[in-house]
C-alpha cells in the first residue's frame, strides 16, 4: 500500500500541537525527529560510550514531523488544510518553517522507521519509560513502564508530560481515584496505576488513542485499574461519579484553551481537597488558566516550568 508522507519543519514548543492536529485530520501515523532527544541523551553521560562532538554541534534546532496519509489523496486540498491549521496554531505557538514537502512512500518504510528515535529514559528520578522493543535493566527502586506509542499521541519525551509525571509522583496517594483527561497513549494513567492509584478513568476524543491506551495498559499489567472510553469530559459522570463518587486527582495534559473551557466540568467531578494537575500550557497563557480556576474557588498549589511550557497543580477548595 502506498502512503503520502507530509513533512513539516517546526519548533519544539509547537511539535506536540502539530502532531495532534495531523492525527485529527486523518494521518495514519506521525513520526517526530527531535534533535533535542539526542542532546538529552548526551547529557546522560552514563548512557554513552562515545560522543561525537562534531555531530552534536551540527545538530539543527528544527523539529521534523512526518505524517502519513493513506491511499489516494488530493495533495492540493491537503496542503491547504494543513496550512490553515498551522496558521491557527501560530496564533498561540511559534510553528517555525511549516509545511515542507510531500513524498510517496511504501507502508513498510514508515511503519517502523520512527522507532529508532525512541529509547528508554527517566521521566522522573524514579520512573523509567521503556519502549517495548528495547532492553533495560532497572536500578533499585526504579519503576519501569513499557510503552508502544503506535499511532497515538504522547511518548513521554515532551516537557509537558514530564512535568505531569513529576507532579503525579508528588501528589498521588495510595488508593486514589484518578481521571486522565485526553489520555493519548495512556502514559499518565499507567504512571498513576504504578504509583498506587486504586482506579483510573482515561478518556480521549480519538478512538485510536483509547485503543493504544488499552494496549499499553495490558503491557504494564494495569488493565484491572484503568478503564477507558472514547469521548470528552461531558460523559465522565457515567464512569466516575454516577454513585456520588468524585475523583481524588484529575490530570489534563492538553492545551490552555481546552483546559480553560472544561474548568466547570473539572469542578463538578473532583472532590473537595482533590488535586487538578494540568499542563500543555504555553507560558504566556498561564495567567489565563490560573484565573479560570481561581474564579471557581481552586487554590494554586504549585507551578512548574520547562522551556516554553507551564504545569500547574490546583487544589479544589469546595466541590460542586
Protein backbone atom coordinates (compact mmCIF):
# COMPACT_ATOMS: atom_id res chain seq x y z
CA UNK A 1 0.00 0.00 0.00
CA UNK A 2 1.23 3.50 -0.85
CA UNK A 3 1.15 6.34 1.67
CA UNK A 4 1.73 10.07 1.26
CA UNK A 5 4.33 11.43 3.65
CA UNK A 6 3.83 15.06 4.70
CA UNK A 7 6.95 16.74 6.07
CA UNK A 8 6.66 19.73 8.38
CA UNK A 9 9.57 21.62 9.91
CA UNK A 10 8.67 23.22 13.22
CA UNK A 11 9.82 24.13 16.73
CA UNK A 12 9.93 22.12 19.92
CA UNK A 13 7.17 24.20 21.50
CA UNK A 14 4.73 23.52 18.65
CA UNK A 15 5.61 19.90 17.86
CA UNK A 16 3.00 18.26 20.09
CA UNK A 17 0.18 20.54 18.94
CA UNK A 18 1.06 19.94 15.27
CA UNK A 19 1.34 16.18 15.78
CA UNK A 20 -2.10 16.08 17.34
CA UNK A 21 -3.51 18.28 14.57
CA UNK A 22 -2.18 15.95 11.86
CA UNK A 23 -3.73 12.95 13.58
CA UNK A 24 -7.06 14.78 13.88
CA UNK A 25 -7.22 15.44 10.11
CA UNK A 26 -6.61 11.81 9.18
CA UNK A 27 -2.92 10.95 9.43
CA UNK A 28 -2.47 7.22 9.91
CA UNK A 29 0.78 7.77 11.78
CA UNK A 30 3.07 10.59 12.91
CA UNK A 31 6.84 10.41 13.44
CA UNK A 32 8.80 13.16 15.20
CA UNK A 33 12.53 13.63 14.68
CA UNK A 34 13.70 15.81 17.56
CA UNK A 35 17.41 16.71 17.86
CA UNK A 36 16.76 17.67 21.47
CA UNK A 37 16.28 13.97 22.23
CA UNK A 38 19.90 13.43 21.18
CA UNK A 39 21.03 16.38 23.28
CA UNK A 40 19.18 14.98 26.30
CA UNK A 41 20.82 11.60 25.71
CA UNK A 42 24.24 13.24 25.58
CA UNK A 43 23.51 14.95 28.90
CA UNK A 44 23.07 11.47 30.39
CA UNK A 45 26.77 10.63 30.04
CA UNK A 46 26.36 7.21 31.62
CA UNK A 47 24.32 6.07 28.64
CA UNK A 48 27.01 6.84 26.04
CA UNK A 49 30.36 5.19 25.46
CA UNK A 50 31.42 7.76 22.89
CA UNK A 51 30.23 11.24 22.00
CA UNK A 52 30.83 12.70 18.55
CA UNK A 53 31.17 16.39 19.44
CA UNK A 54 31.07 17.41 15.77
CA UNK A 55 27.73 15.65 15.38
CA UNK A 56 26.29 17.47 18.40
CA UNK A 57 27.50 20.87 17.17
CA UNK A 58 25.93 20.28 13.76
CA UNK A 59 22.51 19.39 15.15
CA UNK A 60 19.74 21.68 13.98
CA UNK A 61 17.17 23.19 16.32
CA UNK A 62 14.39 22.25 13.90
CA UNK A 63 11.89 19.53 14.73
CA UNK A 64 10.90 17.42 11.72
CA UNK A 65 7.39 15.96 11.78
CA UNK A 66 6.41 13.35 9.20
CA UNK A 67 2.75 12.42 8.91
CA UNK A 68 1.42 9.57 6.78
CA UNK A 69 -1.89 9.73 4.92
CA UNK A 70 -3.27 6.53 3.34
CA UNK A 71 -4.38 5.93 -0.23
CA UNK A 72 -5.01 8.47 -2.97
CA UNK A 73 -5.44 11.99 -1.61
CA UNK A 74 -5.85 15.41 -3.16
CA UNK A 75 -2.48 16.91 -2.25
CA UNK A 76 -3.52 20.46 -3.05
CA UNK A 77 -6.53 20.28 -0.73
CA UNK A 78 -4.48 18.58 1.98
CA UNK A 79 -1.77 21.23 1.78
CA UNK A 80 -4.40 23.99 2.02
CA UNK A 81 -5.96 22.34 5.08
CA UNK A 82 -2.60 21.88 6.80
CA UNK A 83 -1.65 25.48 6.03
CA UNK A 84 -4.90 26.73 7.59
CA UNK A 85 -4.37 24.59 10.69
CA UNK A 86 -0.77 25.76 11.06
CA UNK A 87 -1.91 29.37 10.75
CA UNK A 88 -4.36 28.82 13.62
CA UNK A 89 -1.72 27.15 15.82
CA UNK A 90 0.68 30.01 15.04
CA UNK A 91 -1.62 32.38 16.95
CA UNK A 92 -0.50 30.64 20.14
CA UNK A 93 2.83 28.96 19.33
CA UNK A 94 5.84 29.51 17.09
CA UNK A 95 5.27 26.91 14.36
CA UNK A 96 8.62 27.52 12.62
CA UNK A 97 9.06 26.96 8.88
CA UNK A 98 5.87 24.92 8.50
CA UNK A 99 4.93 22.74 5.52
CA UNK A 100 7.95 21.39 3.62
CA UNK A 101 7.03 18.62 1.16
CA UNK A 102 5.01 15.61 0.03
CA UNK A 103 6.63 12.21 -0.66
CA UNK A 104 5.01 8.96 -1.78
CA UNK A 105 6.24 6.05 0.32
CA UNK A 106 5.61 2.33 0.91
CA UNK A 107 3.92 1.30 4.15
CA UNK A 108 6.86 -0.89 5.17
CA UNK A 109 9.23 2.09 5.06
CA UNK A 110 7.39 4.28 7.56
CA UNK A 111 5.77 1.82 9.95
CA UNK A 112 8.97 1.05 11.87
CA UNK A 113 11.44 3.81 10.95
CA UNK A 114 10.34 6.17 13.74
CA UNK A 115 11.26 3.63 16.43
CA UNK A 116 14.97 4.47 16.21
CA UNK A 117 14.24 7.84 17.82
CA UNK A 118 12.56 6.41 20.92
CA UNK A 119 14.86 4.99 23.63
CA UNK A 120 14.50 4.24 27.40
CA UNK A 121 14.67 7.38 29.54
CA UNK A 122 13.89 8.65 33.04
CA UNK A 123 10.71 10.70 33.01
CA UNK A 124 11.29 11.32 36.74
CA UNK A 125 14.13 10.20 39.02
CA UNK A 126 12.09 7.13 39.91
CA UNK A 127 10.15 6.30 36.73
CA UNK A 128 11.70 4.97 33.53
CA UNK A 129 9.80 4.83 30.23
CA UNK A 130 10.92 1.90 28.10
CA UNK A 131 9.73 1.18 24.55
CA UNK A 132 8.65 -2.42 24.18
CA UNK A 133 11.38 -3.26 21.66
CA UNK A 134 14.27 -2.04 23.89
CA UNK A 135 16.08 -3.87 26.72
CA UNK A 136 16.61 -2.13 30.05
CA UNK A 137 17.96 -3.24 33.45
CA UNK A 138 16.27 -1.15 36.16
CA UNK A 139 18.16 0.29 39.08
CA UNK A 140 16.99 -0.30 42.62
CA UNK A 141 13.52 1.19 43.32
CA UNK A 142 13.00 2.29 39.72
CA UNK A 143 9.55 1.80 38.22
CA UNK A 144 9.75 0.70 34.58
CA UNK A 145 6.82 1.43 32.30
CA UNK A 146 6.68 -0.21 28.88
CA UNK A 147 5.23 1.86 26.06
CA UNK A 148 4.33 1.20 22.45
CA UNK A 149 3.16 4.58 21.14
CA UNK A 150 1.74 3.15 17.93
CA UNK A 151 -0.16 5.89 16.11
CA UNK A 152 -1.22 7.75 19.24
CA UNK A 153 -0.01 10.99 20.72
CA UNK A 154 2.44 11.22 23.62
CA UNK A 155 5.56 9.16 24.33
CA UNK A 156 6.65 10.97 27.48
CA UNK A 157 9.60 12.80 25.94
CA UNK A 158 7.88 16.17 25.91
CA UNK A 159 8.29 18.62 28.80
CA UNK A 160 4.54 18.80 29.45
CA UNK A 161 4.32 15.04 30.02
CA UNK A 162 7.45 15.02 32.16
CA UNK A 163 6.10 17.76 34.42
CA UNK A 164 2.76 15.94 34.81
CA UNK A 165 4.64 12.76 35.75
CA UNK A 166 6.71 14.60 38.35
CA UNK A 167 3.62 16.18 39.87
CA UNK A 168 1.72 12.90 39.90
CA UNK A 169 4.61 11.30 41.76
CA UNK A 170 4.44 14.10 44.34
CA UNK A 171 0.68 14.37 44.90
CA UNK A 172 -0.79 10.92 44.36
CA UNK A 173 -1.64 8.80 47.40
CA UNK A 174 -2.26 5.10 47.76
CA UNK A 175 -5.75 4.07 46.59
CA UNK A 176 -6.55 7.43 44.97
CA UNK A 177 -9.20 7.63 42.25
CA UNK A 178 -7.75 9.32 39.16
CA UNK A 179 -9.13 10.73 35.91
CA UNK A 180 -6.86 11.15 32.87
CA UNK A 181 -8.47 13.68 30.51
CA UNK A 182 -7.07 13.33 26.99
CA UNK A 183 -5.16 10.12 27.71
CA UNK A 184 -3.18 9.86 24.44
CA UNK A 185 -1.03 6.73 24.78
CA UNK A 186 -2.13 6.22 28.39
CA UNK A 187 1.28 7.07 29.77
CA UNK A 188 -0.03 9.18 32.68
CA UNK A 189 -2.75 6.65 33.51
CA UNK A 190 -0.16 3.89 33.73
CA UNK A 191 2.13 6.05 35.89
CA UNK A 192 -0.81 6.69 38.24
CA UNK A 193 -1.50 2.95 38.43
CA UNK A 194 2.15 2.15 39.17
CA UNK A 195 2.24 4.82 41.88
CA UNK A 196 -0.65 3.18 43.74
CA UNK A 197 -3.89 4.64 42.41
CA UNK A 198 -6.89 2.40 43.04
CA UNK A 199 -8.71 3.19 39.80
CA UNK A 200 -8.12 5.38 36.76
CA UNK A 201 -10.72 6.53 34.24
CA UNK A 202 -8.98 7.51 31.00
CA UNK A 203 -10.69 9.09 28.01
CA UNK A 204 -9.83 10.72 24.71
CA UNK A 205 -11.83 12.02 21.76
CA UNK A 206 -9.53 10.00 19.48
CA UNK A 207 -10.54 6.33 19.35
CA UNK A 208 -7.01 5.37 18.21
CA UNK A 209 -5.61 6.90 21.39
CA UNK A 210 -8.07 4.91 23.52
CA UNK A 211 -7.10 1.71 21.69
CA UNK A 212 -3.40 2.38 22.30
CA UNK A 213 -4.09 3.22 25.97
CA UNK A 214 -5.78 -0.16 26.38
CA UNK A 215 -2.87 -1.94 24.70
CA UNK A 216 -0.27 -0.16 26.84
CA UNK A 217 -2.31 -0.81 29.99
CA UNK A 218 -2.21 -4.53 29.19
CA UNK A 219 1.54 -4.38 28.54
CA UNK A 220 2.02 -2.97 32.04
CA UNK A 221 -0.47 -5.28 33.80
CA UNK A 222 -2.63 -2.27 34.66
CA UNK A 223 -5.84 -3.13 32.79
CA UNK A 224 -7.63 -4.02 36.01
CA UNK A 225 -7.13 -0.44 37.26
CA UNK A 226 -7.54 1.57 34.03
CA UNK A 227 -10.97 1.89 32.42
CA UNK A 228 -11.30 3.84 29.18
CA UNK A 229 -13.88 5.43 26.93
CA UNK A 230 -13.91 7.44 23.71
CA UNK A 231 -15.44 10.86 24.23
CA UNK A 232 -14.99 14.06 26.19
CA UNK A 233 -15.38 15.11 29.80
CA UNK A 234 -19.11 15.63 29.32
CA UNK A 235 -19.62 11.86 29.54
CA UNK A 236 -17.45 11.38 32.61
CA UNK A 237 -20.36 11.20 35.07
CA UNK A 238 -21.33 7.83 33.56
CA UNK A 239 -17.97 6.37 34.53
CA UNK A 240 -16.67 8.09 37.64
CA UNK A 241 -19.33 9.68 39.84
CA UNK A 242 -22.73 8.25 38.93
CA UNK A 243 -22.95 6.99 42.51
CA UNK A 244 -21.73 10.23 44.07
CA UNK A 245 -18.02 9.37 43.95
CA UNK A 246 -15.65 12.09 42.76
CA UNK A 247 -12.01 11.94 41.68
CA UNK A 248 -9.11 12.50 44.06
CA UNK A 249 -6.91 13.63 41.17
CA UNK A 250 -7.71 14.77 37.63
CA UNK A 251 -4.88 15.08 35.09
CA UNK A 252 -5.19 17.05 31.85
CA UNK A 253 -2.17 17.47 29.60
CA UNK A 254 -3.90 19.26 26.73
CA UNK A 255 -3.71 22.95 25.69
CA UNK A 256 -4.66 26.12 27.52
CA UNK A 257 -7.86 26.83 25.57
CA UNK A 258 -9.29 23.40 26.33
CA UNK A 259 -8.11 23.45 29.95
CA UNK A 260 -9.98 26.73 30.44
CA UNK A 261 -13.09 25.59 28.57
CA UNK A 262 -13.51 22.46 30.74
CA UNK A 263 -12.89 24.22 34.07
CA UNK A 264 -16.54 23.95 35.12
CA UNK A 265 -16.60 20.21 34.37
CA UNK A 266 -13.37 19.69 36.32
CA UNK A 267 -15.00 21.39 39.31
CA UNK A 268 -18.01 19.05 39.03
CA UNK A 269 -16.00 15.85 39.03
CA UNK A 270 -13.31 16.46 41.64
CA UNK A 271 -13.79 16.04 45.38
CA UNK A 272 -13.15 18.78 47.93
CA UNK A 273 -9.46 18.64 48.76
CA UNK A 274 -8.66 16.88 45.48
CA UNK A 275 -5.99 18.00 43.04
CA UNK A 276 -6.19 19.06 39.40
CA UNK A 277 -2.81 18.55 37.68
CA UNK A 278 -2.57 20.18 34.29
CA UNK A 279 -0.02 21.06 31.62
CA UNK A 280 0.22 21.75 27.90
CA UNK A 281 0.03 25.44 28.84
CA UNK A 282 2.35 27.81 27.00
CA UNK A 283 3.91 30.22 29.47
CA UNK A 284 2.00 33.20 28.02
CA UNK A 285 -1.36 31.57 28.86
CA UNK A 286 -0.52 30.56 32.44
CA UNK A 287 -2.25 33.58 33.99
CA UNK A 288 -5.42 32.87 31.96
CA UNK A 289 -5.56 29.30 33.28
CA UNK A 290 -4.88 30.46 36.83
CA UNK A 291 -7.73 32.99 36.67
CA UNK A 292 -10.22 30.47 35.25
CA UNK A 293 -9.66 28.05 38.12
CA UNK A 294 -9.23 30.66 40.83
CA UNK A 295 -12.63 32.07 39.85
CA UNK A 296 -14.10 28.64 40.58
CA UNK A 297 -12.54 28.52 44.04
CA UNK A 298 -9.47 26.42 43.25
CA UNK A 299 -6.23 27.24 45.05
CA UNK A 300 -3.00 27.22 43.02
CA UNK A 301 -0.70 24.89 44.95
CA UNK A 302 2.33 24.68 42.67
CA UNK A 303 3.68 25.78 39.31
CA UNK A 304 6.45 24.14 37.25
CA UNK A 305 8.14 25.47 34.12
CA UNK A 306 10.15 23.70 31.45
CA UNK A 307 11.16 25.61 28.36
CA UNK A 308 8.10 27.26 26.86
CA UNK A 309 5.65 25.27 28.99
CA UNK A 310 3.91 25.59 32.35
CA UNK A 311 2.35 22.92 34.55
CA UNK A 312 0.05 23.73 37.47
CA UNK A 313 -1.48 21.99 40.45
CA UNK A 314 -4.82 23.31 41.74
CA UNK A 315 -6.48 22.19 44.98
CA UNK A 316 -10.26 22.03 45.00
CA UNK A 317 -11.49 24.11 47.93
CA UNK A 318 -15.17 23.16 47.62
CA UNK A 319 -16.70 20.53 45.33
CA UNK A 320 -19.76 21.46 43.25
